[in-house]
Amino acid sequence: MALLEAAGYACTRAAASLGVFDLIGVGSTDIVLCQVKTRDWPGAEETEAIRQFPAPANARKLLHRWRDRVRLPDVKEIV
């Protein structure tokens, strides 16, 4: 959340809501929908759920993977 806020997004945390995304960031020109993982990327089924999630054209669907002892996450954009 801190990374998105530092980039100028207003954020809300939706983790543990059993939804597809953990964070939602609203910027001046786009929306970021973010799934956050520790160590491993999500499986094929979860990745497909992210891909199929209906979102506006200006929304970006991101996966953030945080690895141990690494300062920044690995990031993938799902299109």
PDB file of N, CA and C in Angstrom:
ATOM      1  N   MET A   1       0.830  -1.183   0.000  1.00  0.00           N
ATOM      2  CA  MET A   1       0.000   0.000   0.000  1.00  0.00           C
ATOM      3  C   MET A   1       0.878   1.251   0.000  1.00  0.00           C
ATOM      4  N   ALA A   2       1.971   1.206   0.749  1.00  0.00           N
ATOM      5  CA  ALA A   2       2.863   2.367   0.826  1.00  0.00           C
ATOM      6  C   ALA A   2       3.455   2.706  -0.540  1.00  0.00           C
ATOM      7  N   LEU A   3       3.770   1.693  -1.347  1.00  0.00           N
ATOM      8  CA  LEU A   3       4.309   1.949  -2.689  1.00  0.00           C
ATOM      9  C   LEU A   3       3.312   2.681  -3.567  1.00  0.00           C
ATOM     10  N   LEU A   4       2.068   2.237  -3.533  1.00  0.00           N
ATOM     11  CA  LEU A   4       1.035   2.891  -4.340  1.00  0.00           C
ATOM     12  C   LEU A   4       0.762   4.311  -3.843  1.00  0.00           C
ATOM     13  N   GLU A   5       0.687   4.481  -2.532  1.00  0.00           N
ATOM     14  CA  GLU A   5       0.451   5.821  -1.985  1.00  0.00           C
ATOM     15  C   GLU A   5       1.592   6.764  -2.329  1.00  0.00           C
ATOM     16  N   ALA A   6       2.822   6.260  -2.304  1.00  0.00           N
ATOM     17  CA  ALA A   6       3.973   7.094  -2.672  1.00  0.00           C
ATOM     18  C   ALA A   6       3.917   7.493  -4.144  1.00  0.00           C
ATOM     19  N   ALA A   7       3.264   6.669  -4.960  1.00  0.00           N
ATOM     20  CA  ALA A   7       3.119   6.979  -6.383  1.00  0.00           C
ATOM     21  C   ALA A   7       1.898   7.863  -6.655  1.00  0.00           C
ATOM     22  N   GLY A   8       1.198   8.283  -5.599  1.00  0.00           N
ATOM     23  CA  GLY A   8       0.093   9.224  -5.761  1.00  0.00           C
ATOM     24  C   GLY A   8      -1.298   8.619  -5.777  1.00  0.00           C
ATOM     25  N   TYR A   9      -1.416   7.346  -5.460  1.00  0.00           N
ATOM     26  CA  TYR A   9      -2.726   6.691  -5.446  1.00  0.00           C
ATOM     27  C   TYR A   9      -3.380   6.785  -4.070  1.00  0.00           C
ATOM     28  N   ALA A  10      -4.687   6.985  -4.052  1.00  0.00           N
ATOM     29  CA  ALA A  10      -5.476   6.840  -2.830  1.00  0.00           C
ATOM     30  C   ALA A  10      -5.835   5.366  -2.748  1.00  0.00           C
ATOM     31  N   CYS A  11      -5.518   4.715  -1.633  1.00  0.00           N
ATOM     32  CA  CYS A  11      -5.623   3.256  -1.549  1.00  0.00           C
ATOM     33  C   CYS A  11      -6.587   2.794  -0.473  1.00  0.00           C
ATOM     34  N   THR A  12      -7.114   1.610  -0.707  1.00  0.00           N
ATOM     35  CA  THR A  12      -7.887   0.915   0.305  1.00  0.00           C
ATOM     36  C   THR A  12      -7.442  -0.537   0.299  1.00  0.00           C
ATOM     37  N   ARG A  13      -7.441  -1.131   1.464  1.00  0.00           N
ATOM     38  CA  ARG A  13      -7.021  -2.524   1.617  1.00  0.00           C
ATOM     39  C   ARG A  13      -8.264  -3.406   1.614  1.00  0.00           C
ATOM     40  N   ALA A  14      -8.261  -4.403   0.747  1.00  0.00           N
ATOM     41  CA  ALA A  14      -9.401  -5.311   0.643  1.00  0.00           C
ATOM     42  C   ALA A  14      -8.994  -6.747   0.959  1.00  0.00           C
ATOM     43  N   ALA A  15      -7.807  -6.946   1.541  1.00  0.00           N
ATOM     44  CA  ALA A  15      -7.316  -8.291   1.854  1.00  0.00           C
ATOM     45  C   ALA A  15      -8.250  -8.975   2.842  1.00  0.00           C
ATOM     46  N   ALA A  16      -8.274 -10.295   2.780  1.00  0.00           N
ATOM     47  CA  ALA A  16      -9.102 -11.135   3.655  1.00  0.00           C
ATOM     48  C   ALA A  16     -10.593 -10.939   3.398  1.00  0.00           C
ATOM     49  N   SER A  17     -10.933 -10.253   2.322  1.00  0.00           N
ATOM     50  CA  SER A  17     -12.345 -10.058   1.986  1.00  0.00           C
ATOM     51  C   SER A  17     -12.852 -11.168   1.080  1.00  0.00           C
ATOM     52  N   LEU A  18     -11.978 -12.116   0.752  1.00  0.00           N
ATOM     53  CA  LEU A  18     -12.281 -13.208  -0.167  1.00  0.00           C
ATOM     54  C   LEU A  18     -12.545 -12.714  -1.584  1.00  0.00           C
ATOM     55  N   GLY A  19     -12.120 -11.490  -1.859  1.00  0.00           N
ATOM     56  CA  GLY A  19     -12.230 -10.959  -3.205  1.00  0.00           C
ATOM     57  C   GLY A  19     -10.993 -11.306  -4.008  1.00  0.00           C
ATOM     58  N   VAL A  20     -10.958 -10.878  -5.258  1.00  0.00           N
ATOM     59  CA  VAL A  20      -9.852 -11.186  -6.157  1.00  0.00           C
ATOM     60  C   VAL A  20      -8.619 -10.353  -5.829  1.00  0.00           C
ATOM     61  N   PHE A  21      -8.806  -9.109  -5.378  1.00  0.00           N
ATOM     62  CA  PHE A  21      -7.679  -8.197  -5.163  1.00  0.00           C
ATOM     63  C   PHE A  21      -7.525  -7.825  -3.694  1.00  0.00           C
ATOM     64  N   ASP A  22      -6.264  -7.567  -3.291  1.00  0.00           N
ATOM     65  CA  ASP A  22      -5.953  -7.191  -1.915  1.00  0.00           C
ATOM     66  C   ASP A  22      -5.912  -5.681  -1.715  1.00  0.00           C
ATOM     67  N   LEU A  23      -5.518  -4.956  -2.748  1.00  0.00           N
ATOM     68  CA  LEU A  23      -5.411  -3.491  -2.668  1.00  0.00           C
ATOM     69  C   LEU A  23      -6.070  -2.868  -3.891  1.00  0.00           C
ATOM     70  N   ILE A  24      -6.688  -1.726  -3.674  1.00  0.00           N
ATOM     71  CA  ILE A  24      -7.257  -0.945  -4.765  1.00  0.00           C
ATOM     72  C   ILE A  24      -6.702   0.466  -4.632  1.00  0.00           C
ATOM     73  N   GLY A  25      -6.085   0.950  -5.702  1.00  0.00           N
ATOM     74  CA  GLY A  25      -5.531   2.293  -5.706  1.00  0.00           C
ATOM     75  C   GLY A  25      -6.188   3.124  -6.794  1.00  0.00           C
ATOM     76  N   VAL A  26      -6.618   4.316  -6.433  1.00  0.00           N
ATOM     77  CA  VAL A  26      -7.260   5.215  -7.398  1.00  0.00           C
ATOM     78  C   VAL A  26      -6.342   6.405  -7.621  1.00  0.00           C
ATOM     79  N   GLY A  27      -5.903   6.565  -8.858  1.00  0.00           N
ATOM     80  CA  GLY A  27      -5.038   7.682  -9.223  1.00  0.00           C
ATOM     81  C   GLY A  27      -5.799   8.714 -10.027  1.00  0.00           C
ATOM     82  N   SER A  28      -5.109   9.741 -10.462  1.00  0.00           N
ATOM     83  CA  SER A  28      -5.767  10.803 -11.216  1.00  0.00           C
ATOM     84  C   SER A  28      -6.140  10.360 -12.628  1.00  0.00           C
ATOM     85  N   THR A  29      -5.460   9.348 -13.168  1.00  0.00           N
ATOM     86  CA  THR A  29      -5.754   8.904 -14.528  1.00  0.00           C
ATOM     87  C   THR A  29      -6.065   7.419 -14.650  1.00  0.00           C
ATOM     88  N   ASP A  30      -5.803   6.648 -13.592  1.00  0.00           N
ATOM     89  CA  ASP A  30      -6.052   5.213 -13.685  1.00  0.00           C
ATOM     90  C   ASP A  30      -6.368   4.602 -12.326  1.00  0.00           C
ATOM     91  N   ILE A  31      -6.714   3.328 -12.366  1.00  0.00           N
ATOM     92  CA  ILE A  31      -7.029   2.545 -11.170  1.00  0.00           C
ATOM     93  C   ILE A  31      -6.076   1.358 -11.159  1.00  0.00           C
ATOM     94  N   VAL A  32      -5.557   1.023  -9.987  1.00  0.00           N
ATOM     95  CA  VAL A  32      -4.700  -0.154  -9.839  1.00  0.00           C
ATOM     96  C   VAL A  32      -5.414  -1.165  -8.957  1.00  0.00           C
ATOM     97  N   LEU A  33      -5.562  -2.381  -9.475  1.00  0.00           N
ATOM     98  CA  LEU A  33      -6.113  -3.507  -8.729  1.00  0.00           C
ATOM     99  C   LEU A  33      -4.941  -4.440  -8.470  1.00  0.00           C
ATOM    100  N   CYS A  34      -4.638  -4.713  -7.216  1.00  0.00           N
ATOM    101  CA  CYS A  34      -3.393  -5.394  -6.879  1.00  0.00           C
ATOM    102  C   CYS A  34      -3.631  -6.624  -6.004  1.00  0.00           C
ATOM    103  N   GLN A  35      -3.072  -7.742  -6.426  1.00  0.00           N
ATOM    104  CA  GLN A  35      -3.050  -8.973  -5.636  1.00  0.00           C
ATOM    105  C   GLN A  35      -1.643  -9.104  -5.066  1.00  0.00           C
ATOM    106  N   VAL A  36      -1.525  -9.313  -3.756  1.00  0.00           N
ATOM    107  CA  VAL A  36      -0.226  -9.375  -3.086  1.00  0.00           C
ATOM    108  C   VAL A  36       0.026 -10.792  -2.603  1.00  0.00           C
ATOM    109  N   LYS A  37       1.223 -11.302  -2.914  1.00  0.00           N
ATOM    110  CA  LYS A  37       1.614 -12.652  -2.505  1.00  0.00           C
ATOM    111  C   LYS A  37       2.967 -12.612  -1.805  1.00  0.00           C
ATOM    112  N   THR A  38       3.186 -13.616  -0.962  1.00  0.00           N
ATOM    113  CA  THR A  38       4.473 -13.786  -0.305  1.00  0.00           C
ATOM    114  C   THR A  38       5.152 -15.003  -0.915  1.00  0.00           C
ATOM    115  N   ARG A  39       6.361 -14.838  -1.377  1.00  0.00           N
ATOM    116  CA  ARG A  39       7.219 -15.885  -1.925  1.00  0.00           C
ATOM    117  C   ARG A  39       6.805 -16.410  -3.296  1.00  0.00           C
ATOM    118  N   ASP A  40       5.575 -16.891  -3.463  1.00  0.00           N
ATOM    119  CA  ASP A  40       5.173 -17.567  -4.704  1.00  0.00           C
ATOM    120  C   ASP A  40       4.158 -16.744  -5.493  1.00  0.00           C
ATOM    121  N   TRP A  41       4.220 -16.879  -6.814  1.00  0.00           N
ATOM    122  CA  TRP A  41       3.198 -16.285  -7.660  1.00  0.00           C
ATOM    123  C   TRP A  41       1.901 -17.069  -7.476  1.00  0.00           C
ATOM    124  N   PRO A  42       0.754 -16.475  -7.753  1.00  0.00           N
ATOM    125  CA  PRO A  42      -0.501 -17.238  -7.638  1.00  0.00           C
ATOM    126  C   PRO A  42      -0.546 -18.365  -8.673  1.00  0.00           C
ATOM    127  N   GLY A  43      -1.359 -19.377  -8.396  1.00  0.00           N
ATOM    128  CA  GLY A  43      -1.522 -20.493  -9.315  1.00  0.00           C
ATOM    129  C   GLY A  43      -2.299 -20.092 -10.554  1.00  0.00           C
ATOM    130  N   ALA A  44      -2.411 -21.026 -11.463  1.00  0.00           N
ATOM    131  CA  ALA A  44      -3.067 -20.769 -12.747  1.00  0.00           C
ATOM    132  C   ALA A  44      -4.528 -20.375 -12.571  1.00  0.00           C
ATOM    133  N   GLU A  45      -5.231 -21.022 -11.648  1.00  0.00           N
ATOM    134  CA  GLU A  45      -6.651 -20.728 -11.443  1.00  0.00           C
ATOM    135  C   GLU A  45      -6.850 -19.309 -10.912  1.00  0.00           C
ATOM    136  N   GLU A  46      -6.041 -18.918  -9.942  1.00  0.00           N
ATOM    137  CA  GLU A  46      -6.158 -17.569  -9.381  1.00  0.00           C
ATOM    138  C   GLU A  46      -5.745 -16.507 -10.402  1.00  0.00           C
ATOM    139  N   THR A  47      -4.700 -16.788 -11.170  1.00  0.00           N
ATOM    140  CA  THR A  47      -4.270 -15.853 -12.216  1.00  0.00           C
ATOM    141  C   THR A  47      -5.358 -15.669 -13.265  1.00  0.00           C
ATOM    142  N   GLU A  48      -6.039 -16.749 -13.617  1.00  0.00           N
ATOM    143  CA  GLU A  48      -7.120 -16.653 -14.594  1.00  0.00           C
ATOM    144  C   GLU A  48      -8.300 -15.857 -14.036  1.00  0.00           C
ATOM    145  N   ALA A  49      -8.590 -16.004 -12.736  1.00  0.00           N
ATOM    146  CA  ALA A  49      -9.654 -15.214 -12.101  1.00  0.00           C
ATOM    147  C   ALA A  49      -9.324 -13.724 -12.160  1.00  0.00           C
ATOM    148  N   ILE A  50      -8.060 -13.394 -11.971  1.00  0.00           N
ATOM    149  CA  ILE A  50      -7.620 -11.994 -12.071  1.00  0.00           C
ATOM    150  C   ILE A  50      -7.784 -11.509 -13.504  1.00  0.00           C
ATOM    151  N   ARG A  51      -7.353 -12.314 -14.450  1.00  0.00           N
ATOM    152  CA  ARG A  51      -7.444 -11.946 -15.870  1.00  0.00           C
ATOM    153  C   ARG A  51      -8.898 -11.720 -16.297  1.00  0.00           C
ATOM    154  N   GLN A  52      -9.809 -12.557 -15.825  1.00  0.00           N
ATOM    155  CA  GLN A  52     -11.217 -12.490 -16.227  1.00  0.00           C
ATOM    156  C   GLN A  52     -12.031 -11.452 -15.448  1.00  0.00           C
ATOM    157  N   PHE A  53     -11.475 -10.906 -14.383  1.00  0.00           N
ATOM    158  CA  PHE A  53     -12.202  -9.935 -13.564  1.00  0.00           C
ATOM    159  C   PHE A  53     -12.595  -8.731 -14.410  1.00  0.00           C
ATOM    160  N   PRO A  54     -13.865  -8.356 -14.447  1.00  0.00           N
ATOM    161  CA  PRO A  54     -14.279  -7.202 -15.249  1.00  0.00           C
ATOM    162  C   PRO A  54     -13.786  -5.903 -14.604  1.00  0.00           C
ATOM    163  N   ALA A  55     -13.122  -5.094 -15.396  1.00  0.00           N
ATOM    164  CA  ALA A  55     -12.566  -3.838 -14.888  1.00  0.00           C
ATOM    165  C   ALA A  55     -12.640  -2.782 -15.982  1.00  0.00           C
ATOM    166  N   PRO A  56     -12.689  -1.497 -15.588  1.00  0.00           N
ATOM    167  CA  PRO A  56     -12.710  -0.431 -16.595  1.00  0.00           C
ATOM    168  C   PRO A  56     -11.429  -0.441 -17.442  1.00  0.00           C
ATOM    169  N   ALA A  57     -11.492   0.174 -18.592  1.00  0.00           N
ATOM    170  CA  ALA A  57     -10.356   0.204 -19.518  1.00  0.00           C
ATOM    171  C   ALA A  57      -9.124   0.865 -18.916  1.00  0.00           C
ATOM    172  N   ASN A  58      -9.315   1.790 -17.971  1.00  0.00           N
ATOM    173  CA  ASN A  58      -8.169   2.491 -17.382  1.00  0.00           C
ATOM    174  C   ASN A  58      -7.651   1.803 -16.117  1.00  0.00           C
ATOM    175  N   ALA A  59      -8.081   0.559 -15.872  1.00  0.00           N
ATOM    176  CA  ALA A  59      -7.627  -0.178 -14.688  1.00  0.00           C
ATOM    177  C   ALA A  59      -6.455  -1.085 -15.062  1.00  0.00           C
ATOM    178  N   ARG A  60      -5.472  -1.155 -14.175  1.00  0.00           N
ATOM    179  CA  ARG A  60      -4.347  -2.077 -14.340  1.00  0.00           C
ATOM    180  C   ARG A  60      -4.455  -3.151 -13.270  1.00  0.00           C
ATOM    181  N   LYS A  61      -4.280  -4.398 -13.665  1.00  0.00           N
ATOM    182  CA  LYS A  61      -4.323  -5.530 -12.737  1.00  0.00           C
ATOM    183  C   LYS A  61      -2.887  -5.965 -12.482  1.00  0.00           C
ATOM    184  N   LEU A  62      -2.440  -5.813 -11.242  1.00  0.00           N
ATOM    185  CA  LEU A  62      -1.053  -6.102 -10.902  1.00  0.00           C
ATOM    186  C   LEU A  62      -0.948  -7.244  -9.895  1.00  0.00           C
ATOM    187  N   LEU A  63       0.120  -8.020 -10.034  1.00  0.00           N
ATOM    188  CA  LEU A  63       0.510  -9.006  -9.028  1.00  0.00           C
ATOM    189  C   LEU A  63       1.800  -8.517  -8.403  1.00  0.00           C
ATOM    190  N   HIS A  64       1.834  -8.429  -7.084  1.00  0.00           N
ATOM    191  CA  HIS A  64       3.055  -8.089  -6.350  1.00  0.00           C
ATOM    192  C   HIS A  64       3.478  -9.318  -5.564  1.00  0.00           C
ATOM    193  N   ARG A  65       4.705  -9.772  -5.783  1.00  0.00           N
ATOM    194  CA  ARG A  65       5.244 -10.903  -5.025  1.00  0.00           C
ATOM    195  C   ARG A  65       6.396 -10.402  -4.169  1.00  0.00           C
ATOM    196  N   TRP A  66       6.254 -10.527  -2.862  1.00  0.00           N
ATOM    197  CA  TRP A  66       7.284 -10.103  -1.913  1.00  0.00           C
ATOM    198  C   TRP A  66       8.100 -11.317  -1.502  1.00  0.00           C
ATOM    199  N   ARG A  67       9.389 -11.279  -1.760  1.00  0.00           N
ATOM    200  CA  ARG A  67      10.292 -12.355  -1.363  1.00  0.00           C
ATOM    201  C   ARG A  67      11.046 -11.958  -0.100  1.00  0.00           C
ATOM    202  N   ASP A  68      11.499 -12.953   0.640  1.00  0.00           N
ATOM    203  CA  ASP A  68      12.238 -12.706   1.877  1.00  0.00           C
ATOM    204  C   ASP A  68      13.483 -11.873   1.605  1.00  0.00           C
ATOM    205  N   ARG A  69      13.720 -10.917   2.480  1.00  0.00           N
ATOM    206  CA  ARG A  69      14.921 -10.077   2.463  1.00  0.00           C
ATOM    207  C   ARG A  69      15.116  -9.293   1.164  1.00  0.00           C
ATOM    208  N   VAL A  70      14.033  -8.998   0.464  1.00  0.00           N
ATOM    209  CA  VAL A  70      14.084  -8.179  -0.751  1.00  0.00           C
ATOM    210  C   VAL A  70      13.256  -6.934  -0.483  1.00  0.00           C
ATOM    211  N   ARG A  71      13.827  -5.791  -0.786  1.00  0.00           N
ATOM    212  CA  ARG A  71      13.219  -4.516  -0.410  1.00  0.00           C
ATOM    213  C   ARG A  71      11.965  -4.156  -1.203  1.00  0.00           C
ATOM    214  N   LEU A  72      11.932  -4.509  -2.486  1.00  0.00           N
ATOM    215  CA  LEU A  72      10.794  -4.185  -3.355  1.00  0.00           C
ATOM    216  C   LEU A  72      10.205  -5.471  -3.932  1.00  0.00           C
ATOM    217  N   PRO A  73       8.934  -5.452  -4.281  1.00  0.00           N
ATOM    218  CA  PRO A  73       8.304  -6.663  -4.813  1.00  0.00           C
ATOM    219  C   PRO A  73       8.637  -6.887  -6.288  1.00  0.00           C
ATOM    220  N   ASP A  74       8.495  -8.130  -6.714  1.00  0.00           N
ATOM    221  CA  ASP A  74       8.466  -8.437  -8.137  1.00  0.00           C
ATOM    222  C   ASP A  74       7.052  -8.088  -8.589  1.00  0.00           C
ATOM    223  N   VAL A  75       6.911  -7.477  -9.747  1.00  0.00           N
ATOM    224  CA  VAL A  75       5.597  -7.027 -10.203  1.00  0.00           C
ATOM    225  C   VAL A  75       5.318  -7.579 -11.594  1.00  0.00           C
ATOM    226  N   LYS A  76       4.119  -8.118 -11.764  1.00  0.00           N
ATOM    227  CA  LYS A  76       3.628  -8.546 -13.077  1.00  0.00           C
ATOM    228  C   LYS A  76       2.305  -7.843 -13.332  1.00  0.00           C
ATOM    229  N   GLU A  77       2.118  -7.411 -14.563  1.00  0.00           N
ATOM    230  CA  GLU A  77       0.813  -6.853 -14.943  1.00  0.00           C
ATOM    231  C   GLU A  77       0.063  -7.920 -15.728  1.00  0.00           C
ATOM    232  N   ILE A  78      -1.185  -8.155 -15.357  1.00  0.00           N
ATOM    233  CA  ILE A  78      -2.029  -9.138 -16.030  1.00  0.00           C
ATOM    234  C   ILE A  78      -2.893  -8.389 -17.038  1.00  0.00           C
ATOM    235  N   VAL A  79      -2.815  -8.790 -18.279  1.00  0.00           N
ATOM    236  CA  VAL A  79      -3.599  -8.126 -19.338  1.00  0.00           C
ATOM    237  C   VAL A  79      -4.618  -9.064 -19.927  1.00  0.00           C
TER     238      VAL A  79
END
